[in-house]
Amino acid sequence: MNEDPAKPFAVEEVSAVAAPPRARVDDTPDTSGDASGETAADKLERKKDYLEGFLQQKPAAASPGEPGGDLYESVIAALREIYDPEIPVNIYDLGLIYAVEVSDEADAVVTMTLTTPHCPVAESMPGEVELRVSSVPGIRDAEVNLVWDPPWDPAKMSDEARLELGML
């Protein structure tokens, strides 16, 4: 331990430091065949076969009520048509929609908030959201849950909304 309070730690001086070893690349291995006897041309053919099979596979279709499904995306499109009366941005990009769930029976549940509990449309906005979502073709019933936790803040806005408001 260092006894001098003016020097809180010991200093060691060295005259030179050995350079770390340099990385080396071995000579290029023989490309006529690897350890298994497979040549580069054989390997290329194997990769082509794999890619052909991969590219022929069709992506699994999304359920209509899941993200990417037709019904779900139609509900999102309907929400993007509703604009906040004070901020010229739709409520989806504004970050007021916390969740959209569409059941197998085509019932939609939207969980949303407002910019503040004292918002002038606090009484009418949930009703408008419910009306718009229930008018989406294929939706049997719509329910809107208005929540205050977590509270809305500007960080919830999409990049499109920030650009529209000049915040980017």
N, C-alpha and C. Protein backbone atom coordinates (compact mmCIF):
# COMPACT_ATOMS: atom_id res chain seq x y z
N MET A 1 0.84 -1.19 0.00
CA MET A 1 0.00 0.00 0.00
C MET A 1 0.88 1.24 0.00
N ASN A 2 0.47 2.25 -0.70
CA ASN A 2 1.22 3.49 -0.81
C ASN A 2 0.95 4.33 0.43
N GLU A 3 2.00 4.74 1.10
CA GLU A 3 1.88 5.51 2.35
C GLU A 3 1.72 7.00 2.11
N ASP A 4 2.10 7.50 0.94
CA ASP A 4 2.05 8.93 0.66
C ASP A 4 0.65 9.31 0.17
N PRO A 5 -0.14 10.13 0.96
CA PRO A 5 -1.50 10.48 0.53
C PRO A 5 -1.53 11.36 -0.72
N ALA A 6 -0.44 12.02 -1.06
CA ALA A 6 -0.41 12.85 -2.25
C ALA A 6 -0.36 11.99 -3.52
N LYS A 7 0.11 10.74 -3.37
CA LYS A 7 0.17 9.81 -4.48
C LYS A 7 -0.76 8.63 -4.17
N PRO A 8 -2.01 8.67 -4.64
CA PRO A 8 -2.99 7.65 -4.27
C PRO A 8 -2.72 6.27 -4.88
N PHE A 9 -1.86 6.20 -5.88
CA PHE A 9 -1.58 4.89 -6.46
C PHE A 9 -0.12 4.87 -6.92
N ALA A 10 0.43 3.66 -7.03
CA ALA A 10 1.83 3.50 -7.42
C ALA A 10 1.95 3.59 -8.94
N VAL A 11 3.03 4.20 -9.40
CA VAL A 11 3.30 4.34 -10.82
C VAL A 11 4.55 3.53 -11.13
N GLU A 12 4.48 2.69 -12.14
CA GLU A 12 5.62 1.90 -12.57
C GLU A 12 6.04 2.38 -13.94
N GLU A 13 7.29 2.72 -14.09
CA GLU A 13 7.80 3.19 -15.37
C GLU A 13 8.55 2.05 -16.04
N VAL A 14 8.31 1.90 -17.35
CA VAL A 14 9.00 0.87 -18.12
C VAL A 14 9.72 1.54 -19.28
N SER A 15 10.79 0.92 -19.74
CA SER A 15 11.55 1.54 -20.82
C SER A 15 11.03 1.11 -22.19
N ALA A 16 10.45 -0.09 -22.28
CA ALA A 16 9.95 -0.56 -23.57
C ALA A 16 8.89 -1.63 -23.34
N VAL A 17 8.02 -1.78 -24.35
CA VAL A 17 6.97 -2.79 -24.29
C VAL A 17 7.11 -3.64 -25.55
N ALA A 18 7.08 -4.94 -25.36
CA ALA A 18 7.19 -5.83 -26.53
C ALA A 18 5.92 -5.72 -27.37
N ALA A 19 6.11 -5.69 -28.68
CA ALA A 19 4.97 -5.60 -29.60
C ALA A 19 4.19 -6.91 -29.57
N PRO A 20 2.87 -6.85 -29.68
CA PRO A 20 2.09 -8.10 -29.68
C PRO A 20 2.38 -8.87 -30.96
N PRO A 21 2.20 -10.18 -30.92
CA PRO A 21 2.46 -10.97 -32.14
C PRO A 21 1.48 -10.60 -33.24
N ARG A 22 1.93 -10.61 -34.46
CA ARG A 22 1.09 -10.26 -35.61
C ARG A 22 0.33 -11.49 -36.07
N ALA A 23 -0.86 -11.26 -36.53
CA ALA A 23 -1.66 -12.36 -37.06
C ALA A 23 -1.07 -12.81 -38.38
N ARG A 24 -1.11 -14.11 -38.63
CA ARG A 24 -0.57 -14.65 -39.86
C ARG A 24 -1.65 -15.45 -40.57
N VAL A 25 -1.61 -15.36 -41.88
CA VAL A 25 -2.53 -16.14 -42.69
C VAL A 25 -1.70 -17.20 -43.40
N ASP A 26 -2.08 -18.46 -43.19
CA ASP A 26 -1.36 -19.54 -43.84
C ASP A 26 -1.55 -19.43 -45.35
N ASP A 27 -0.70 -20.09 -46.06
CA ASP A 27 -0.84 -20.12 -47.52
C ASP A 27 -2.22 -20.64 -47.87
N THR A 28 -2.74 -20.22 -48.98
CA THR A 28 -4.06 -20.65 -49.43
C THR A 28 -4.07 -22.16 -49.56
N PRO A 29 -5.08 -22.80 -48.97
CA PRO A 29 -5.12 -24.26 -49.07
C PRO A 29 -5.38 -24.71 -50.51
N ASP A 30 -5.05 -25.93 -50.77
CA ASP A 30 -5.24 -26.51 -52.09
C ASP A 30 -6.73 -26.52 -52.39
N THR A 31 -7.16 -25.89 -53.50
CA THR A 31 -8.58 -25.80 -53.83
C THR A 31 -9.05 -26.98 -54.67
N SER A 32 -8.18 -27.92 -54.92
CA SER A 32 -8.62 -29.05 -55.73
C SER A 32 -9.55 -29.96 -54.95
N GLY A 33 -9.54 -29.87 -53.65
CA GLY A 33 -10.45 -30.67 -52.83
C GLY A 33 -10.15 -30.42 -51.37
N ASP A 34 -11.16 -30.50 -50.52
CA ASP A 34 -10.93 -30.30 -49.09
C ASP A 34 -10.71 -31.66 -48.43
N ALA A 35 -10.75 -31.70 -47.12
CA ALA A 35 -10.47 -32.94 -46.40
C ALA A 35 -11.45 -34.04 -46.78
N SER A 36 -12.69 -33.67 -47.15
CA SER A 36 -13.68 -34.69 -47.52
C SER A 36 -13.58 -35.07 -48.98
N GLY A 37 -12.67 -34.43 -49.73
CA GLY A 37 -12.52 -34.74 -51.14
C GLY A 37 -13.45 -33.93 -52.03
N GLU A 38 -14.21 -33.00 -51.46
CA GLU A 38 -15.16 -32.19 -52.23
C GLU A 38 -14.41 -31.04 -52.89
N THR A 39 -14.59 -30.88 -54.18
CA THR A 39 -13.93 -29.79 -54.90
C THR A 39 -14.78 -28.54 -54.79
N ALA A 40 -14.21 -27.43 -55.20
CA ALA A 40 -14.93 -26.15 -55.17
C ALA A 40 -16.16 -26.21 -56.07
N ALA A 41 -16.05 -26.85 -57.21
CA ALA A 41 -17.19 -26.97 -58.13
C ALA A 41 -18.30 -27.80 -57.49
N ASP A 42 -17.92 -28.88 -56.78
CA ASP A 42 -18.92 -29.70 -56.10
C ASP A 42 -19.65 -28.89 -55.03
N LYS A 43 -18.88 -28.11 -54.30
CA LYS A 43 -19.46 -27.29 -53.24
C LYS A 43 -20.43 -26.26 -53.82
N LEU A 44 -20.08 -25.66 -54.95
CA LEU A 44 -20.94 -24.69 -55.60
C LEU A 44 -22.25 -25.34 -56.05
N GLU A 45 -22.18 -26.52 -56.62
CA GLU A 45 -23.39 -27.24 -57.03
C GLU A 45 -24.28 -27.54 -55.84
N ARG A 46 -23.68 -27.96 -54.72
CA ARG A 46 -24.45 -28.26 -53.52
C ARG A 46 -25.17 -27.00 -53.03
N LYS A 47 -24.50 -25.87 -53.06
CA LYS A 47 -25.11 -24.61 -52.63
C LYS A 47 -26.24 -24.21 -53.56
N LYS A 48 -26.07 -24.41 -54.87
CA LYS A 48 -27.13 -24.08 -55.81
C LYS A 48 -28.38 -24.91 -55.53
N ASP A 49 -28.18 -26.20 -55.28
CA ASP A 49 -29.32 -27.07 -54.97
C ASP A 49 -30.05 -26.58 -53.73
N TYR A 50 -29.31 -26.19 -52.72
CA TYR A 50 -29.91 -25.71 -51.49
C TYR A 50 -30.72 -24.44 -51.74
N LEU A 51 -30.14 -23.51 -52.49
CA LEU A 51 -30.83 -22.25 -52.76
C LEU A 51 -32.09 -22.46 -53.59
N GLU A 52 -32.04 -23.38 -54.56
CA GLU A 52 -33.23 -23.63 -55.37
C GLU A 52 -34.37 -24.12 -54.50
N GLY A 53 -34.09 -25.03 -53.60
CA GLY A 53 -35.13 -25.53 -52.69
C GLY A 53 -35.64 -24.44 -51.76
N PHE A 54 -34.72 -23.61 -51.30
CA PHE A 54 -35.11 -22.53 -50.39
C PHE A 54 -36.00 -21.51 -51.09
N LEU A 55 -35.64 -21.15 -52.31
CA LEU A 55 -36.40 -20.14 -53.03
C LEU A 55 -37.75 -20.65 -53.50
N GLN A 56 -37.92 -21.97 -53.62
CA GLN A 56 -39.20 -22.53 -54.04
C GLN A 56 -40.20 -22.58 -52.90
N GLN A 57 -39.73 -22.48 -51.66
CA GLN A 57 -40.64 -22.52 -50.52
C GLN A 57 -41.48 -21.25 -50.49
N LYS A 58 -42.75 -21.42 -50.20
CA LYS A 58 -43.66 -20.28 -50.08
C LYS A 58 -43.73 -19.89 -48.61
N PRO A 59 -43.76 -18.58 -48.32
CA PRO A 59 -43.88 -18.17 -46.92
C PRO A 59 -45.23 -18.59 -46.35
N ALA A 60 -45.22 -18.90 -45.08
CA ALA A 60 -46.47 -19.29 -44.42
C ALA A 60 -47.38 -18.06 -44.36
N ALA A 61 -48.62 -18.25 -44.73
CA ALA A 61 -49.58 -17.14 -44.72
C ALA A 61 -49.91 -16.74 -43.29
N ALA A 62 -49.96 -15.45 -43.05
CA ALA A 62 -50.30 -14.96 -41.72
C ALA A 62 -51.80 -15.12 -41.51
N SER A 63 -52.15 -15.43 -40.28
CA SER A 63 -53.56 -15.51 -39.92
C SER A 63 -54.17 -14.12 -40.12
N PRO A 64 -55.42 -14.03 -40.56
CA PRO A 64 -56.01 -12.72 -40.82
C PRO A 64 -55.95 -11.77 -39.62
N GLY A 65 -56.00 -12.30 -38.40
CA GLY A 65 -56.01 -11.45 -37.22
C GLY A 65 -54.64 -11.16 -36.63
N GLU A 66 -53.59 -11.69 -37.23
CA GLU A 66 -52.24 -11.46 -36.73
C GLU A 66 -51.57 -10.35 -37.53
N PRO A 67 -50.53 -9.72 -36.97
CA PRO A 67 -49.81 -8.71 -37.75
C PRO A 67 -49.38 -9.30 -39.08
N GLY A 68 -49.67 -8.57 -40.14
CA GLY A 68 -49.39 -9.05 -41.48
C GLY A 68 -50.62 -9.66 -42.14
N GLY A 69 -51.62 -10.03 -41.33
CA GLY A 69 -52.86 -10.59 -41.87
C GLY A 69 -53.75 -9.48 -42.40
N ASP A 70 -54.62 -9.84 -43.33
CA ASP A 70 -55.48 -8.86 -44.00
C ASP A 70 -56.37 -8.09 -43.03
N LEU A 71 -57.02 -8.80 -42.12
CA LEU A 71 -57.96 -8.16 -41.20
C LEU A 71 -57.23 -7.23 -40.23
N TYR A 72 -56.12 -7.69 -39.70
CA TYR A 72 -55.32 -6.88 -38.78
C TYR A 72 -54.85 -5.60 -39.48
N GLU A 73 -54.31 -5.76 -40.67
CA GLU A 73 -53.80 -4.59 -41.40
C GLU A 73 -54.92 -3.62 -41.78
N SER A 74 -56.11 -4.14 -42.02
CA SER A 74 -57.27 -3.27 -42.30
C SER A 74 -57.64 -2.44 -41.07
N VAL A 75 -57.54 -3.05 -39.89
CA VAL A 75 -57.82 -2.31 -38.65
C VAL A 75 -56.78 -1.20 -38.47
N ILE A 76 -55.51 -1.52 -38.71
CA ILE A 76 -54.44 -0.51 -38.59
C ILE A 76 -54.70 0.63 -39.58
N ALA A 77 -55.09 0.30 -40.80
CA ALA A 77 -55.38 1.32 -41.81
C ALA A 77 -56.53 2.22 -41.35
N ALA A 78 -57.55 1.64 -40.72
CA ALA A 78 -58.67 2.44 -40.21
C ALA A 78 -58.20 3.36 -39.09
N LEU A 79 -57.31 2.88 -38.23
CA LEU A 79 -56.79 3.72 -37.14
C LEU A 79 -55.94 4.87 -37.69
N ARG A 80 -55.27 4.63 -38.79
CA ARG A 80 -54.44 5.68 -39.39
C ARG A 80 -55.28 6.77 -40.06
N GLU A 81 -56.58 6.57 -40.16
CA GLU A 81 -57.46 7.59 -40.72
C GLU A 81 -58.00 8.54 -39.65
N ILE A 82 -57.74 8.24 -38.38
CA ILE A 82 -58.24 9.07 -37.28
C ILE A 82 -57.10 10.01 -36.85
N TYR A 83 -57.38 11.29 -36.89
CA TYR A 83 -56.36 12.28 -36.55
C TYR A 83 -56.66 12.93 -35.21
N ASP A 84 -55.59 13.22 -34.48
CA ASP A 84 -55.71 13.97 -33.24
C ASP A 84 -56.13 15.39 -33.62
N PRO A 85 -57.13 15.98 -32.94
CA PRO A 85 -57.60 17.30 -33.35
C PRO A 85 -56.60 18.43 -33.09
N GLU A 86 -55.68 18.23 -32.17
CA GLU A 86 -54.73 19.29 -31.84
C GLU A 86 -53.38 19.12 -32.53
N ILE A 87 -53.05 17.88 -32.89
CA ILE A 87 -51.76 17.58 -33.52
C ILE A 87 -52.08 16.97 -34.88
N PRO A 88 -51.57 17.50 -35.97
CA PRO A 88 -51.95 17.01 -37.31
C PRO A 88 -51.28 15.68 -37.69
N VAL A 89 -51.44 14.67 -36.83
CA VAL A 89 -50.87 13.35 -37.07
C VAL A 89 -51.92 12.32 -36.68
N ASN A 90 -51.98 11.20 -37.40
CA ASN A 90 -52.96 10.18 -37.05
C ASN A 90 -52.61 9.53 -35.72
N ILE A 91 -53.61 8.97 -35.05
CA ILE A 91 -53.42 8.47 -33.68
C ILE A 91 -52.51 7.24 -33.63
N TYR A 92 -52.42 6.49 -34.72
CA TYR A 92 -51.55 5.31 -34.73
C TYR A 92 -50.08 5.75 -34.75
N ASP A 93 -49.72 6.65 -35.67
CA ASP A 93 -48.34 7.12 -35.74
C ASP A 93 -47.97 8.01 -34.57
N LEU A 94 -48.97 8.62 -33.96
CA LEU A 94 -48.72 9.44 -32.77
C LEU A 94 -48.34 8.58 -31.57
N GLY A 95 -48.61 7.29 -31.65
CA GLY A 95 -48.25 6.38 -30.57
C GLY A 95 -49.33 6.24 -29.52
N LEU A 96 -50.56 6.63 -29.85
CA LEU A 96 -51.65 6.52 -28.89
C LEU A 96 -52.23 5.11 -28.85
N ILE A 97 -51.96 4.30 -29.86
CA ILE A 97 -52.47 2.93 -29.89
C ILE A 97 -51.40 2.02 -29.31
N TYR A 98 -51.71 1.39 -28.18
CA TYR A 98 -50.74 0.52 -27.52
C TYR A 98 -50.85 -0.92 -28.00
N ALA A 99 -52.03 -1.37 -28.37
CA ALA A 99 -52.20 -2.76 -28.81
C ALA A 99 -53.44 -2.89 -29.67
N VAL A 100 -53.35 -3.80 -30.65
CA VAL A 100 -54.50 -4.18 -31.47
C VAL A 100 -54.52 -5.70 -31.47
N GLU A 101 -55.63 -6.25 -31.04
CA GLU A 101 -55.78 -7.71 -31.03
C GLU A 101 -57.04 -8.06 -31.80
N VAL A 102 -56.92 -8.99 -32.73
CA VAL A 102 -58.06 -9.46 -33.49
C VAL A 102 -58.17 -10.96 -33.25
N SER A 103 -59.29 -11.38 -32.69
CA SER A 103 -59.48 -12.80 -32.36
C SER A 103 -59.83 -13.60 -33.61
N ASP A 104 -59.84 -14.92 -33.47
CA ASP A 104 -60.22 -15.80 -34.59
C ASP A 104 -61.67 -15.59 -34.98
N GLU A 105 -62.48 -15.07 -34.05
CA GLU A 105 -63.89 -14.81 -34.33
C GLU A 105 -64.09 -13.41 -34.90
N ALA A 106 -63.00 -12.71 -35.24
CA ALA A 106 -63.04 -11.37 -35.84
C ALA A 106 -63.50 -10.29 -34.86
N ASP A 107 -63.26 -10.49 -33.57
CA ASP A 107 -63.51 -9.45 -32.58
C ASP A 107 -62.21 -8.67 -32.38
N ALA A 108 -62.29 -7.35 -32.43
CA ALA A 108 -61.10 -6.51 -32.29
C ALA A 108 -61.12 -5.81 -30.93
N VAL A 109 -59.95 -5.82 -30.28
CA VAL A 109 -59.77 -5.10 -29.02
C VAL A 109 -58.60 -4.15 -29.22
N VAL A 110 -58.86 -2.86 -29.03
CA VAL A 110 -57.84 -1.83 -29.20
C VAL A 110 -57.55 -1.24 -27.83
N THR A 111 -56.28 -1.26 -27.45
CA THR A 111 -55.85 -0.63 -26.20
C THR A 111 -55.15 0.66 -26.59
N MET A 112 -55.64 1.76 -26.04
CA MET A 112 -55.10 3.06 -26.42
C MET A 112 -55.03 4.00 -25.24
N THR A 113 -54.37 5.12 -25.45
CA THR A 113 -54.30 6.18 -24.47
C THR A 113 -54.53 7.50 -25.20
N LEU A 114 -54.46 8.58 -24.49
CA LEU A 114 -54.53 9.92 -25.08
C LEU A 114 -53.30 10.69 -24.62
N THR A 115 -53.04 11.80 -25.26
CA THR A 115 -51.83 12.56 -24.92
C THR A 115 -51.86 13.02 -23.47
N THR A 116 -53.04 13.27 -22.94
CA THR A 116 -53.20 13.69 -21.55
C THR A 116 -54.62 13.35 -21.09
N PRO A 117 -54.83 13.08 -19.81
CA PRO A 117 -56.20 12.81 -19.35
C PRO A 117 -57.14 14.00 -19.54
N HIS A 118 -56.58 15.19 -19.66
CA HIS A 118 -57.38 16.40 -19.83
C HIS A 118 -57.59 16.75 -21.29
N CYS A 119 -57.29 15.80 -22.18
CA CYS A 119 -57.45 16.01 -23.62
C CYS A 119 -58.91 16.36 -23.91
N PRO A 120 -59.16 17.35 -24.77
CA PRO A 120 -60.53 17.75 -25.05
C PRO A 120 -61.38 16.67 -25.72
N VAL A 121 -60.75 15.67 -26.31
CA VAL A 121 -61.51 14.60 -26.95
C VAL A 121 -61.51 13.32 -26.12
N ALA A 122 -61.22 13.44 -24.83
CA ALA A 122 -61.15 12.25 -23.97
C ALA A 122 -62.46 11.47 -23.94
N GLU A 123 -63.56 12.16 -24.08
CA GLU A 123 -64.84 11.46 -24.06
C GLU A 123 -65.24 10.93 -25.42
N SER A 124 -64.85 11.62 -26.50
CA SER A 124 -65.31 11.21 -27.82
C SER A 124 -64.34 10.33 -28.60
N MET A 125 -63.04 10.44 -28.36
CA MET A 125 -62.05 9.70 -29.14
C MET A 125 -62.21 8.18 -29.03
N PRO A 126 -62.37 7.60 -27.84
CA PRO A 126 -62.55 6.13 -27.78
C PRO A 126 -63.78 5.67 -28.57
N GLY A 127 -64.85 6.44 -28.54
CA GLY A 127 -66.05 6.10 -29.30
C GLY A 127 -65.80 6.14 -30.80
N GLU A 128 -65.04 7.14 -31.25
CA GLU A 128 -64.72 7.23 -32.67
C GLU A 128 -63.84 6.06 -33.10
N VAL A 129 -62.88 5.68 -32.27
CA VAL A 129 -62.01 4.54 -32.58
C VAL A 129 -62.85 3.27 -32.67
N GLU A 130 -63.75 3.08 -31.72
CA GLU A 130 -64.61 1.89 -31.73
C GLU A 130 -65.48 1.86 -32.99
N LEU A 131 -66.04 3.00 -33.36
CA LEU A 131 -66.89 3.08 -34.56
C LEU A 131 -66.09 2.77 -35.83
N ARG A 132 -64.91 3.36 -35.95
CA ARG A 132 -64.08 3.13 -37.15
C ARG A 132 -63.63 1.68 -37.26
N VAL A 133 -63.20 1.10 -36.14
CA VAL A 133 -62.72 -0.28 -36.17
C VAL A 133 -63.88 -1.24 -36.45
N SER A 134 -65.02 -0.98 -35.86
CA SER A 134 -66.17 -1.87 -36.10
C SER A 134 -66.69 -1.77 -37.53
N SER A 135 -66.36 -0.67 -38.24
CA SER A 135 -66.81 -0.52 -39.62
C SER A 135 -65.87 -1.19 -40.62
N VAL A 136 -64.75 -1.75 -40.14
CA VAL A 136 -63.83 -2.47 -41.03
C VAL A 136 -64.52 -3.75 -41.51
N PRO A 137 -64.59 -3.98 -42.82
CA PRO A 137 -65.22 -5.20 -43.32
C PRO A 137 -64.54 -6.44 -42.74
N GLY A 138 -65.36 -7.31 -42.16
CA GLY A 138 -64.85 -8.54 -41.56
C GLY A 138 -64.77 -8.49 -40.05
N ILE A 139 -64.80 -7.31 -39.46
CA ILE A 139 -64.78 -7.19 -38.00
C ILE A 139 -66.19 -7.38 -37.48
N ARG A 140 -66.34 -8.31 -36.56
CA ARG A 140 -67.66 -8.61 -36.00
C ARG A 140 -68.01 -7.63 -34.87
N ASP A 141 -67.03 -7.37 -33.98
CA ASP A 141 -67.28 -6.49 -32.84
C ASP A 141 -65.98 -5.79 -32.50
N ALA A 142 -66.08 -4.57 -31.98
CA ALA A 142 -64.89 -3.81 -31.59
C ALA A 142 -65.05 -3.31 -30.16
N GLU A 143 -63.95 -3.33 -29.44
CA GLU A 143 -63.92 -2.84 -28.06
C GLU A 143 -62.68 -1.98 -27.90
N VAL A 144 -62.80 -0.87 -27.19
CA VAL A 144 -61.67 0.02 -26.97
C VAL A 144 -61.43 0.12 -25.47
N ASN A 145 -60.20 -0.14 -25.08
CA ASN A 145 -59.78 0.02 -23.68
C ASN A 145 -58.90 1.25 -23.59
N LEU A 146 -59.35 2.24 -22.84
CA LEU A 146 -58.59 3.47 -22.65
C LEU A 146 -57.76 3.31 -21.38
N VAL A 147 -56.45 3.43 -21.50
CA VAL A 147 -55.55 3.26 -20.35
C VAL A 147 -54.70 4.52 -20.18
N TRP A 148 -54.21 4.70 -18.97
CA TRP A 148 -53.36 5.86 -18.68
C TRP A 148 -51.96 5.42 -18.24
N ASP A 149 -51.77 4.11 -18.13
CA ASP A 149 -50.48 3.60 -17.70
C ASP A 149 -50.01 2.58 -18.72
N PRO A 150 -48.91 2.75 -19.37
CA PRO A 150 -47.95 3.84 -19.19
C PRO A 150 -48.45 5.12 -19.84
N PRO A 151 -48.09 6.25 -19.27
CA PRO A 151 -48.55 7.52 -19.86
C PRO A 151 -47.88 7.75 -21.22
N TRP A 152 -48.59 8.45 -22.08
CA TRP A 152 -48.06 8.76 -23.39
C TRP A 152 -46.95 9.78 -23.27
N ASP A 153 -45.92 9.66 -24.11
CA ASP A 153 -44.90 10.69 -24.22
C ASP A 153 -44.44 10.72 -25.68
N PRO A 154 -43.79 11.79 -26.10
CA PRO A 154 -43.40 11.94 -27.51
C PRO A 154 -42.49 10.82 -28.02
N ALA A 155 -41.84 10.08 -27.16
CA ALA A 155 -40.96 8.99 -27.60
C ALA A 155 -41.76 7.87 -28.25
N LYS A 156 -43.06 7.81 -28.03
CA LYS A 156 -43.90 6.75 -28.59
C LYS A 156 -44.29 7.04 -30.05
N MET A 157 -43.98 8.22 -30.56
CA MET A 157 -44.35 8.58 -31.93
C MET A 157 -43.47 7.84 -32.94
N SER A 158 -44.04 7.55 -34.09
CA SER A 158 -43.27 6.92 -35.17
C SER A 158 -42.37 7.98 -35.81
N ASP A 159 -41.41 7.51 -36.59
CA ASP A 159 -40.53 8.45 -37.30
C ASP A 159 -41.32 9.31 -38.27
N GLU A 160 -42.38 8.73 -38.87
CA GLU A 160 -43.20 9.50 -39.80
C GLU A 160 -43.87 10.67 -39.08
N ALA A 161 -44.35 10.43 -37.86
CA ALA A 161 -45.00 11.49 -37.09
C ALA A 161 -43.99 12.56 -36.70
N ARG A 162 -42.81 12.14 -36.30
CA ARG A 162 -41.77 13.12 -35.92
C ARG A 162 -41.38 13.98 -37.12
N LEU A 163 -41.29 13.35 -38.29
CA LEU A 163 -40.95 14.09 -39.50
C LEU A 163 -42.05 15.09 -39.83
N GLU A 164 -43.30 14.66 -39.72
CA GLU A 164 -44.44 15.53 -39.99
C GLU A 164 -44.46 16.75 -39.06
N LEU A 165 -44.04 16.55 -37.82
CA LEU A 165 -44.05 17.63 -36.84
C LEU A 165 -42.73 18.40 -36.78
N GLY A 166 -41.79 18.06 -37.66
CA GLY A 166 -40.51 18.76 -37.67
C GLY A 166 -39.62 18.42 -36.51
N MET A 167 -39.77 17.23 -35.95
CA MET A 167 -38.97 16.83 -34.79
C MET A 167 -37.77 15.98 -35.19
N LEU A 168 -37.60 15.71 -36.47
CA LEU A 168 -36.44 14.92 -36.93
C LEU A 168 -35.45 15.79 -37.63
